[in-house]
Amino acid sequence: MNKPPQLSRVYPTTVASASTAQNIVPTDDDSNTNLNFVTRAIYVGGEAGDIKIKTLNNDLIVLPNIASHFIFPIQALHVYDTGTTATNLIGLA
């Protein structure tokens, strides 16, 4: 069975539960990523809002209106300050 392209890389997938976590401090500085790993998901522990990320495929997107206390499954490389209004973010991998 062929895996979808986004799951065929050596990066973590969203198939298994998280084995590590990291508090995310959003930053607009692309040269200094704020994640130590590719996320499997992002948890919104504070206020609901938008999250601007760079995806595993280097796409810049805004995830709109993510609910508080919600785990959003997404493979992210970076979380940006500008465009992110959700608070207390935690990266899961």
PDB file of N, CA and C in Angstrom:
ATOM      1  N   MET A   1       0.832  -1.177   0.000  1.00  0.00           N
ATOM      2  CA  MET A   1       0.000   0.000   0.000  1.00  0.00           C
ATOM      3  C   MET A   1       0.878   1.243   0.000  1.00  0.00           C
ATOM      4  N   ASN A   2       0.661   2.152  -0.939  1.00  0.00           N
ATOM      5  CA  ASN A   2       1.437   3.379  -1.013  1.00  0.00           C
ATOM      6  C   ASN A   2       0.930   4.388  -0.003  1.00  0.00           C
ATOM      7  N   LYS A   3       1.878   5.040   0.682  1.00  0.00           N
ATOM      8  CA  LYS A   3       1.508   6.091   1.624  1.00  0.00           C
ATOM      9  C   LYS A   3       1.339   7.394   0.864  1.00  0.00           C
ATOM     10  N   PRO A   4       0.490   8.295   1.361  1.00  0.00           N
ATOM     11  CA  PRO A   4       0.405   9.618   0.756  1.00  0.00           C
ATOM     12  C   PRO A   4       1.770  10.299   0.846  1.00  0.00           C
ATOM     13  N   PRO A   5       2.106  11.186  -0.084  1.00  0.00           N
ATOM     14  CA  PRO A   5       3.435  11.799  -0.110  1.00  0.00           C
ATOM     15  C   PRO A   5       3.840  12.448   1.205  1.00  0.00           C
ATOM     16  N   GLN A   6       2.909  13.128   1.896  1.00  0.00           N
ATOM     17  CA  GLN A   6       3.276  13.821   3.114  1.00  0.00           C
ATOM     18  C   GLN A   6       3.633  12.870   4.252  1.00  0.00           C
ATOM     19  N   LEU A   7       3.257  11.592   4.153  1.00  0.00           N
ATOM     20  CA  LEU A   7       3.583  10.632   5.198  1.00  0.00           C
ATOM     21  C   LEU A   7       4.769   9.752   4.843  1.00  0.00           C
ATOM     22  N   SER A   8       5.304   9.886   3.643  1.00  0.00           N
ATOM     23  CA  SER A   8       6.389   9.019   3.210  1.00  0.00           C
ATOM     24  C   SER A   8       7.757   9.563   3.600  1.00  0.00           C
ATOM     25  N   ARG A   9       7.802  10.747   4.183  1.00  0.00           N
ATOM     26  CA  ARG A   9       9.077  11.325   4.606  1.00  0.00           C
ATOM     27  C   ARG A   9       9.496  10.746   5.952  1.00  0.00           C
ATOM     28  N   VAL A  10      10.671  11.135   6.409  1.00  0.00           N
ATOM     29  CA  VAL A  10      11.177  10.621   7.678  1.00  0.00           C
ATOM     30  C   VAL A  10      10.669  11.433   8.866  1.00  0.00           C
ATOM     31  N   TYR A  11       9.813  12.406   8.621  1.00  0.00           N
ATOM     32  CA  TYR A  11       9.273  13.239   9.685  1.00  0.00           C
ATOM     33  C   TYR A  11       8.172  12.496  10.435  1.00  0.00           C
ATOM     34  N   PRO A  12       7.864  12.940  11.670  1.00  0.00           N
ATOM     35  CA  PRO A  12       6.775  12.306  12.412  1.00  0.00           C
ATOM     36  C   PRO A  12       5.461  12.407  11.649  1.00  0.00           C
ATOM     37  N   THR A  13       4.585  11.481  11.890  1.00  0.00           N
ATOM     38  CA  THR A  13       3.281  11.505  11.249  1.00  0.00           C
ATOM     39  C   THR A  13       2.208  11.724  12.300  1.00  0.00           C
ATOM     40  N   THR A  14       0.994  11.928  11.856  1.00  0.00           N
ATOM     41  CA  THR A  14      -0.112  12.125  12.778  1.00  0.00           C
ATOM     42  C   THR A  14      -0.766  10.799  13.151  1.00  0.00           C
ATOM     43  N   VAL A  15      -0.151   9.688  12.795  1.00  0.00           N
ATOM     44  CA  VAL A  15      -0.738   8.371  13.033  1.00  0.00           C
ATOM     45  C   VAL A  15      -0.605   7.949  14.491  1.00  0.00           C
ATOM     46  N   ALA A  16       0.504   8.242  15.130  1.00  0.00           N
ATOM     47  CA  ALA A  16       0.750   7.812  16.513  1.00  0.00           C
ATOM     48  C   ALA A  16       0.581   8.975  17.477  1.00  0.00           C
ATOM     49  N   SER A  17       0.412   8.645  18.748  1.00  0.00           N
ATOM     50  CA  SER A  17       0.290   9.692  19.764  1.00  0.00           C
ATOM     51  C   SER A  17       1.637  10.381  19.969  1.00  0.00           C
ATOM     52  N   ALA A  18       1.597  11.532  20.619  1.00  0.00           N
ATOM     53  CA  ALA A  18       2.806  12.328  20.827  1.00  0.00           C
ATOM     54  C   ALA A  18       3.722  11.677  21.856  1.00  0.00           C
ATOM     55  N   SER A  19       5.026  11.809  21.640  1.00  0.00           N
ATOM     56  CA  SER A  19       6.001  11.309  22.597  1.00  0.00           C
ATOM     57  C   SER A  19       6.824  12.445  23.198  1.00  0.00           C
ATOM     58  N   THR A  20       6.673  13.660  22.664  1.00  0.00           N
ATOM     59  CA  THR A  20       7.370  14.826  23.200  1.00  0.00           C
ATOM     60  C   THR A  20       6.509  16.062  22.983  1.00  0.00           C
ATOM     61  N   ALA A  21       6.809  17.107  23.733  1.00  0.00           N
ATOM     62  CA  ALA A  21       6.049  18.348  23.639  1.00  0.00           C
ATOM     63  C   ALA A  21       6.973  19.533  23.907  1.00  0.00           C
ATOM     64  N   GLN A  22       6.570  20.691  23.396  1.00  0.00           N
ATOM     65  CA  GLN A  22       7.364  21.903  23.569  1.00  0.00           C
ATOM     66  C   GLN A  22       6.433  23.113  23.579  1.00  0.00           C
ATOM     67  N   ASN A  23       6.642  24.016  24.554  1.00  0.00           N
ATOM     68  CA  ASN A  23       5.929  25.286  24.518  1.00  0.00           C
ATOM     69  C   ASN A  23       6.379  26.057  23.292  1.00  0.00           C
ATOM     70  N   ILE A  24       5.427  26.697  22.621  1.00  0.00           N
ATOM     71  CA  ILE A  24       5.742  27.453  21.411  1.00  0.00           C
ATOM     72  C   ILE A  24       5.645  28.936  21.710  1.00  0.00           C
ATOM     73  N   VAL A  25       6.733  29.651  21.430  1.00  0.00           N
ATOM     74  CA  VAL A  25       6.733  31.112  21.491  1.00  0.00           C
ATOM     75  C   VAL A  25       6.767  31.580  20.045  1.00  0.00           C
ATOM     76  N   PRO A  26       5.630  32.060  19.521  1.00  0.00           N
ATOM     77  CA  PRO A  26       5.599  32.481  18.117  1.00  0.00           C
ATOM     78  C   PRO A  26       6.616  33.587  17.830  1.00  0.00           C
ATOM     79  N   THR A  27       7.276  33.483  16.684  1.00  0.00           N
ATOM     80  CA  THR A  27       8.245  34.484  16.254  1.00  0.00           C
ATOM     81  C   THR A  27       8.174  34.633  14.744  1.00  0.00           C
ATOM     82  N   ASP A  28       8.474  35.828  14.259  1.00  0.00           N
ATOM     83  CA  ASP A  28       8.481  36.068  12.817  1.00  0.00           C
ATOM     84  C   ASP A  28       9.858  35.841  12.205  1.00  0.00           C
ATOM     85  N   ASP A  29      10.855  35.506  13.028  1.00  0.00           N
ATOM     86  CA  ASP A  29      12.219  35.278  12.562  1.00  0.00           C
ATOM     87  C   ASP A  29      12.346  33.877  11.984  1.00  0.00           C
ATOM     88  N   ASP A  30      12.294  33.788  10.658  1.00  0.00           N
ATOM     89  CA  ASP A  30      12.391  32.502   9.969  1.00  0.00           C
ATOM     90  C   ASP A  30      13.755  31.834  10.119  1.00  0.00           C
ATOM     91  N   SER A  31      14.796  32.634  10.351  1.00  0.00           N
ATOM     92  CA  SER A  31      16.147  32.070  10.419  1.00  0.00           C
ATOM     93  C   SER A  31      16.375  31.335  11.738  1.00  0.00           C
ATOM     94  N   ASN A  32      15.524  31.570  12.725  1.00  0.00           N
ATOM     95  CA  ASN A  32      15.653  30.924  14.022  1.00  0.00           C
ATOM     96  C   ASN A  32      14.320  30.274  14.369  1.00  0.00           C
ATOM     97  N   THR A  33      14.126  29.051  13.929  1.00  0.00           N
ATOM     98  CA  THR A  33      12.834  28.394  14.135  1.00  0.00           C
ATOM     99  C   THR A  33      12.514  28.246  15.614  1.00  0.00           C
ATOM    100  N   ASN A  34      11.251  28.310  15.941  1.00  0.00           N
ATOM    101  CA  ASN A  34      10.825  28.203  17.331  1.00  0.00           C
ATOM    102  C   ASN A  34      10.385  26.786  17.688  1.00  0.00           C
ATOM    103  N   LEU A  35      10.613  25.848  16.796  1.00  0.00           N
ATOM    104  CA  LEU A  35      10.284  24.453  17.064  1.00  0.00           C
ATOM    105  C   LEU A  35      11.543  23.598  16.941  1.00  0.00           C
ATOM    106  N   ASN A  36      11.697  22.659  17.862  1.00  0.00           N
ATOM    107  CA  ASN A  36      12.842  21.751  17.821  1.00  0.00           C
ATOM    108  C   ASN A  36      12.554  20.491  17.022  1.00  0.00           C
ATOM    109  N   PHE A  37      11.334  20.395  16.493  1.00  0.00           N
ATOM    110  CA  PHE A  37      10.912  19.213  15.753  1.00  0.00           C
ATOM    111  C   PHE A  37       9.744  19.592  14.866  1.00  0.00           C
ATOM    112  N   VAL A  38       9.407  18.706  13.948  1.00  0.00           N
ATOM    113  CA  VAL A  38       8.194  18.867  13.152  1.00  0.00           C
ATOM    114  C   VAL A  38       7.038  18.386  14.018  1.00  0.00           C
ATOM    115  N   THR A  39       6.022  19.213  14.189  1.00  0.00           N
ATOM    116  CA  THR A  39       4.914  18.831  15.059  1.00  0.00           C
ATOM    117  C   THR A  39       4.042  17.758  14.417  1.00  0.00           C
ATOM    118  N   ARG A  40       3.373  17.001  15.253  1.00  0.00           N
ATOM    119  CA  ARG A  40       2.274  16.137  14.818  1.00  0.00           C
ATOM    120  C   ARG A  40       0.961  16.871  15.018  1.00  0.00           C
ATOM    121  N   ALA A  41       0.982  17.794  16.001  1.00  0.00           N
ATOM    122  CA  ALA A  41      -0.210  18.561  16.335  1.00  0.00           C
ATOM    123  C   ALA A  41       0.201  19.787  17.129  1.00  0.00           C
ATOM    124  N   ILE A  42      -0.713  20.757  17.203  1.00  0.00           N
ATOM    125  CA  ILE A  42      -0.534  21.935  18.050  1.00  0.00           C
ATOM    126  C   ILE A  42      -1.730  22.013  18.983  1.00  0.00           C
ATOM    127  N   TYR A  43      -1.435  22.137  20.276  1.00  0.00           N
ATOM    128  CA  TYR A  43      -2.472  22.262  21.292  1.00  0.00           C
ATOM    129  C   TYR A  43      -2.633  23.732  21.652  1.00  0.00           C
ATOM    130  N   VAL A  44      -3.871  24.216  21.677  1.00  0.00           N
ATOM    131  CA  VAL A  44      -4.165  25.585  22.094  1.00  0.00           C
ATOM    132  C   VAL A  44      -4.604  25.513  23.555  1.00  0.00           C
ATOM    133  N   GLY A  45      -3.731  25.925  24.456  1.00  0.00           N
ATOM    134  CA  GLY A  45      -4.015  25.825  25.879  1.00  0.00           C
ATOM    135  C   GLY A  45      -4.635  27.067  26.479  1.00  0.00           C
ATOM    136  N   GLY A  46      -4.637  28.168  25.733  1.00  0.00           N
ATOM    137  CA  GLY A  46      -5.184  29.422  26.244  1.00  0.00           C
ATOM    138  C   GLY A  46      -6.372  29.885  25.436  1.00  0.00           C
ATOM    139  N   GLU A  47      -6.297  31.144  25.009  1.00  0.00           N
ATOM    140  CA  GLU A  47      -7.381  31.748  24.243  1.00  0.00           C
ATOM    141  C   GLU A  47      -7.456  31.171  22.835  1.00  0.00           C
ATOM    142  N   ALA A  48      -8.672  30.980  22.348  1.00  0.00           N
ATOM    143  CA  ALA A  48      -8.883  30.551  20.966  1.00  0.00           C
ATOM    144  C   ALA A  48      -8.404  31.647  20.013  1.00  0.00           C
ATOM    145  N   GLY A  49      -8.113  31.264  18.786  1.00  0.00           N
ATOM    146  CA  GLY A  49      -7.701  32.250  17.800  1.00  0.00           C
ATOM    147  C   GLY A  49      -7.047  31.610  16.598  1.00  0.00           C
ATOM    148  N   ASP A  50      -6.400  32.456  15.808  1.00  0.00           N
ATOM    149  CA  ASP A  50      -5.725  32.015  14.594  1.00  0.00           C
ATOM    150  C   ASP A  50      -4.303  31.571  14.914  1.00  0.00           C
ATOM    151  N   ILE A  51      -3.778  30.663  14.085  1.00  0.00           N
ATOM    152  CA  ILE A  51      -2.378  30.233  14.188  1.00  0.00           C
ATOM    153  C   ILE A  51      -1.778  30.283  12.794  1.00  0.00           C
ATOM    154  N   LYS A  52      -0.738  31.112  12.625  1.00  0.00           N
ATOM    155  CA  LYS A  52      -0.029  31.172  11.343  1.00  0.00           C
ATOM    156  C   LYS A  52       1.194  30.277  11.437  1.00  0.00           C
ATOM    157  N   ILE A  53       1.287  29.334  10.474  1.00  0.00           N
ATOM    158  CA  ILE A  53       2.382  28.365  10.496  1.00  0.00           C
ATOM    159  C   ILE A  53       3.047  28.230   9.132  1.00  0.00           C
ATOM    160  N   LYS A  54       4.222  27.613   9.164  1.00  0.00           N
ATOM    161  CA  LYS A  54       4.859  27.093   7.955  1.00  0.00           C
ATOM    162  C   LYS A  54       4.691  25.589   8.024  1.00  0.00           C
ATOM    163  N   THR A  55       4.071  25.004   6.992  1.00  0.00           N
ATOM    164  CA  THR A  55       3.813  23.570   6.982  1.00  0.00           C
ATOM    165  C   THR A  55       5.070  22.788   6.610  1.00  0.00           C
ATOM    166  N   LEU A  56       4.956  21.490   6.702  1.00  0.00           N
ATOM    167  CA  LEU A  56       6.052  20.601   6.329  1.00  0.00           C
ATOM    168  C   LEU A  56       6.494  20.837   4.888  1.00  0.00           C
ATOM    169  N   ASN A  57       5.576  21.235   4.018  1.00  0.00           N
ATOM    170  CA  ASN A  57       5.896  21.520   2.611  1.00  0.00           C
ATOM    171  C   ASN A  57       6.257  22.972   2.366  1.00  0.00           C
ATOM    172  N   ASN A  58       6.559  23.718   3.458  1.00  0.00           N
ATOM    173  CA  ASN A  58       6.970  25.127   3.398  1.00  0.00           C
ATOM    174  C   ASN A  58       5.873  26.073   2.914  1.00  0.00           C
ATOM    175  N   ASP A  59       4.617  25.690   3.071  1.00  0.00           N
ATOM    176  CA  ASP A  59       3.505  26.589   2.768  1.00  0.00           C
ATOM    177  C   ASP A  59       3.225  27.442   3.990  1.00  0.00           C
ATOM    178  N   LEU A  60       2.970  28.739   3.783  1.00  0.00           N
ATOM    179  CA  LEU A  60       2.563  29.623   4.868  1.00  0.00           C
ATOM    180  C   LEU A  60       1.048  29.692   4.865  1.00  0.00           C
ATOM    181  N   ILE A  61       0.436  29.304   5.984  1.00  0.00           N
ATOM    182  CA  ILE A  61      -1.021  29.322   6.075  1.00  0.00           C
ATOM    183  C   ILE A  61      -1.448  29.835   7.446  1.00  0.00           C
ATOM    184  N   VAL A  62      -2.674  30.345   7.493  1.00  0.00           N
ATOM    185  CA  VAL A  62      -3.284  30.725   8.760  1.00  0.00           C
ATOM    186  C   VAL A  62      -4.419  29.750   9.035  1.00  0.00           C
ATOM    187  N   LEU A  63      -4.341  29.088  10.173  1.00  0.00           N
ATOM    188  CA  LEU A  63      -5.410  28.201  10.624  1.00  0.00           C
ATOM    189  C   LEU A  63      -6.383  29.085  11.402  1.00  0.00           C
ATOM    190  N   PRO A  64      -7.573  29.338  10.860  1.00  0.00           N
ATOM    191  CA  PRO A  64      -8.459  30.312  11.483  1.00  0.00           C
ATOM    192  C   PRO A  64      -9.285  29.750  12.641  1.00  0.00           C
ATOM    193  N   ASN A  65      -9.411  30.580  13.668  1.00  0.00           N
ATOM    194  CA  ASN A  65     -10.348  30.340  14.763  1.00  0.00           C
ATOM    195  C   ASN A  65     -10.243  28.937  15.373  1.00  0.00           C
ATOM    196  N   ILE A  66      -9.040  28.574  15.814  1.00  0.00           N
ATOM    197  CA  ILE A  66      -8.833  27.282  16.473  1.00  0.00           C
ATOM    198  C   ILE A  66      -9.324  27.405  17.924  1.00  0.00           C
ATOM    199  N   ALA A  67     -10.171  26.512  18.339  1.00  0.00           N
ATOM    200  CA  ALA A  67     -10.805  26.578  19.657  1.00  0.00           C
ATOM    201  C   ALA A  67      -9.795  26.379  20.783  1.00  0.00           C
ATOM    202  N   SER A  68     -10.098  26.972  21.912  1.00  0.00           N
ATOM    203  CA  SER A  68      -9.303  26.786  23.118  1.00  0.00           C
ATOM    204  C   SER A  68      -9.398  25.328  23.570  1.00  0.00           C
ATOM    205  N   HIS A  69      -8.287  24.811  24.081  1.00  0.00           N
ATOM    206  CA  HIS A  69      -8.194  23.430  24.582  1.00  0.00           C
ATOM    207  C   HIS A  69      -8.460  22.409  23.478  1.00  0.00           C
ATOM    208  N   PHE A  70      -7.998  22.750  22.284  1.00  0.00           N
ATOM    209  CA  PHE A  70      -8.182  21.888  21.118  1.00  0.00           C
ATOM    210  C   PHE A  70      -6.825  21.434  20.614  1.00  0.00           C
ATOM    211  N   ILE A  71      -6.711  20.187  20.225  1.00  0.00           N
ATOM    212  CA  ILE A  71      -5.494  19.664  19.601  1.00  0.00           C
ATOM    213  C   ILE A  71      -5.746  19.610  18.107  1.00  0.00           C
ATOM    214  N   PHE A  72      -4.991  20.421  17.365  1.00  0.00           N
ATOM    215  CA  PHE A  72      -5.156  20.500  15.913  1.00  0.00           C
ATOM    216  C   PHE A  72      -4.041  19.686  15.264  1.00  0.00           C
ATOM    217  N   PRO A  73      -4.361  18.577  14.590  1.00  0.00           N
ATOM    218  CA  PRO A  73      -3.321  17.756  13.967  1.00  0.00           C
ATOM    219  C   PRO A  73      -2.756  18.451  12.724  1.00  0.00           C
ATOM    220  N   ILE A  74      -1.480  18.804  12.797  1.00  0.00           N
ATOM    221  CA  ILE A  74      -0.825  19.488  11.665  1.00  0.00           C
ATOM    222  C   ILE A  74       0.685  19.313  11.803  1.00  0.00           C
ATOM    223  N   GLN A  75       1.345  19.074  10.689  1.00  0.00           N
ATOM    224  CA  GLN A  75       2.804  19.000  10.686  1.00  0.00           C
ATOM    225  C   GLN A  75       3.335  20.405  10.381  1.00  0.00           C
ATOM    226  N   ALA A  76       3.867  21.038  11.396  1.00  0.00           N
ATOM    227  CA  ALA A  76       4.353  22.413  11.276  1.00  0.00           C
ATOM    228  C   ALA A  76       5.846  22.489  11.540  1.00  0.00           C
ATOM    229  N   LEU A  77       6.496  23.396  10.804  1.00  0.00           N
ATOM    230  CA  LEU A  77       7.922  23.658  10.995  1.00  0.00           C
ATOM    231  C   LEU A  77       8.165  24.907  11.825  1.00  0.00           C
ATOM    232  N   HIS A  78       7.196  25.859  11.788  1.00  0.00           N
ATOM    233  CA  HIS A  78       7.386  27.163  12.426  1.00  0.00           C
ATOM    234  C   HIS A  78       6.028  27.778  12.724  1.00  0.00           C
ATOM    235  N   VAL A  79       5.933  28.503  13.842  1.00  0.00           N
ATOM    236  CA  VAL A  79       4.725  29.251  14.196  1.00  0.00           C
ATOM    237  C   VAL A  79       5.102  30.727  14.247  1.00  0.00           C
ATOM    238  N   TYR A  80       4.353  31.538  13.506  1.00  0.00           N
ATOM    239  CA  TYR A  80       4.644  32.971  13.381  1.00  0.00           C
ATOM    240  C   TYR A  80       3.884  33.796  14.399  1.00  0.00           C
ATOM    241  N   ASP A  81       4.507  34.889  14.831  1.00  0.00           N
ATOM    242  CA  ASP A  81       3.872  35.818  15.761  1.00  0.00           C
ATOM    243  C   ASP A  81       2.790  36.631  15.052  1.00  0.00           C
ATOM    244  N   THR A  82       3.170  37.243  13.915  1.00  0.00           N
ATOM    245  CA  THR A  82       2.199  38.011  13.140  1.00  0.00           C
ATOM    246  C   THR A  82       1.222  37.042  12.494  1.00  0.00           C
ATOM    247  N   GLY A  83      -0.047  37.211  12.788  1.00  0.00           N
ATOM    248  CA  GLY A  83      -1.069  36.314  12.259  1.00  0.00           C
ATOM    249  C   GLY A  83      -1.527  35.261  13.248  1.00  0.00           C
ATOM    250  N   THR A  84      -0.838  35.160  14.398  1.00  0.00           N
ATOM    251  CA  THR A  84      -1.229  34.205  15.430  1.00  0.00           C
ATOM    252  C   THR A  84      -1.855  34.953  16.595  1.00  0.00           C
ATOM    253  N   THR A  85      -3.111  34.607  16.896  1.00  0.00           N
ATOM    254  CA  THR A  85      -3.798  35.233  18.029  1.00  0.00           C
ATOM    255  C   THR A  85      -4.120  34.231  19.132  1.00  0.00           C
ATOM    256  N   ALA A  86      -4.064  32.936  18.840  1.00  0.00           N
ATOM    257  CA  ALA A  86      -4.272  31.913  19.858  1.00  0.00           C
ATOM    258  C   ALA A  86      -3.100  31.964  20.848  1.00  0.00           C
ATOM    259  N   THR A  87      -3.362  31.583  22.099  1.00  0.00           N
ATOM    260  CA  THR A  87      -2.319  31.697  23.129  1.00  0.00           C
ATOM    261  C   THR A  87      -2.038  30.348  23.788  1.00  0.00           C
ATOM    262  N   ASN A  88      -0.898  30.309  24.475  1.00  0.00           N
ATOM    263  CA  ASN A  88      -0.436  29.114  25.199  1.00  0.00           C
ATOM    264  C   ASN A  88      -0.396  27.898  24.282  1.00  0.00           C
ATOM    265  N   LEU A  89       0.371  28.026  23.214  1.00  0.00           N
ATOM    266  CA  LEU A  89       0.488  26.954  22.232  1.00  0.00           C
ATOM    267  C   LEU A  89       1.545  25.939  22.657  1.00  0.00           C
ATOM    268  N   ILE A  90       1.250  24.682  22.405  1.00  0.00           N
ATOM    269  CA  ILE A  90       2.197  23.597  22.689  1.00  0.00           C
ATOM    270  C   ILE A  90       2.305  22.725  21.451  1.00  0.00           C
ATOM    271  N   GLY A  91       3.542  22.517  20.992  1.00  0.00           N
ATOM    272  CA  GLY A  91       3.793  21.627  19.864  1.00  0.00           C
ATOM    273  C   GLY A  91       3.917  20.204  20.369  1.00  0.00           C
ATOM    274  N   LEU A  92       3.263  19.282  19.700  1.00  0.00           N
ATOM    275  CA  LEU A  92       3.309  17.870  20.067  1.00  0.00           C
ATOM    276  C   LEU A  92       3.938  17.065  18.935  1.00  0.00           C
ATOM    277  N   ALA A  93       4.800  16.135  19.294  1.00  0.00           N
ATOM    278  CA  ALA A  93       5.423  15.270  18.275  1.00  0.00           C
ATOM    279  C   ALA A  93       5.655  13.886  18.847  1.00  0.00           C
TER     280      ALA A  93
END
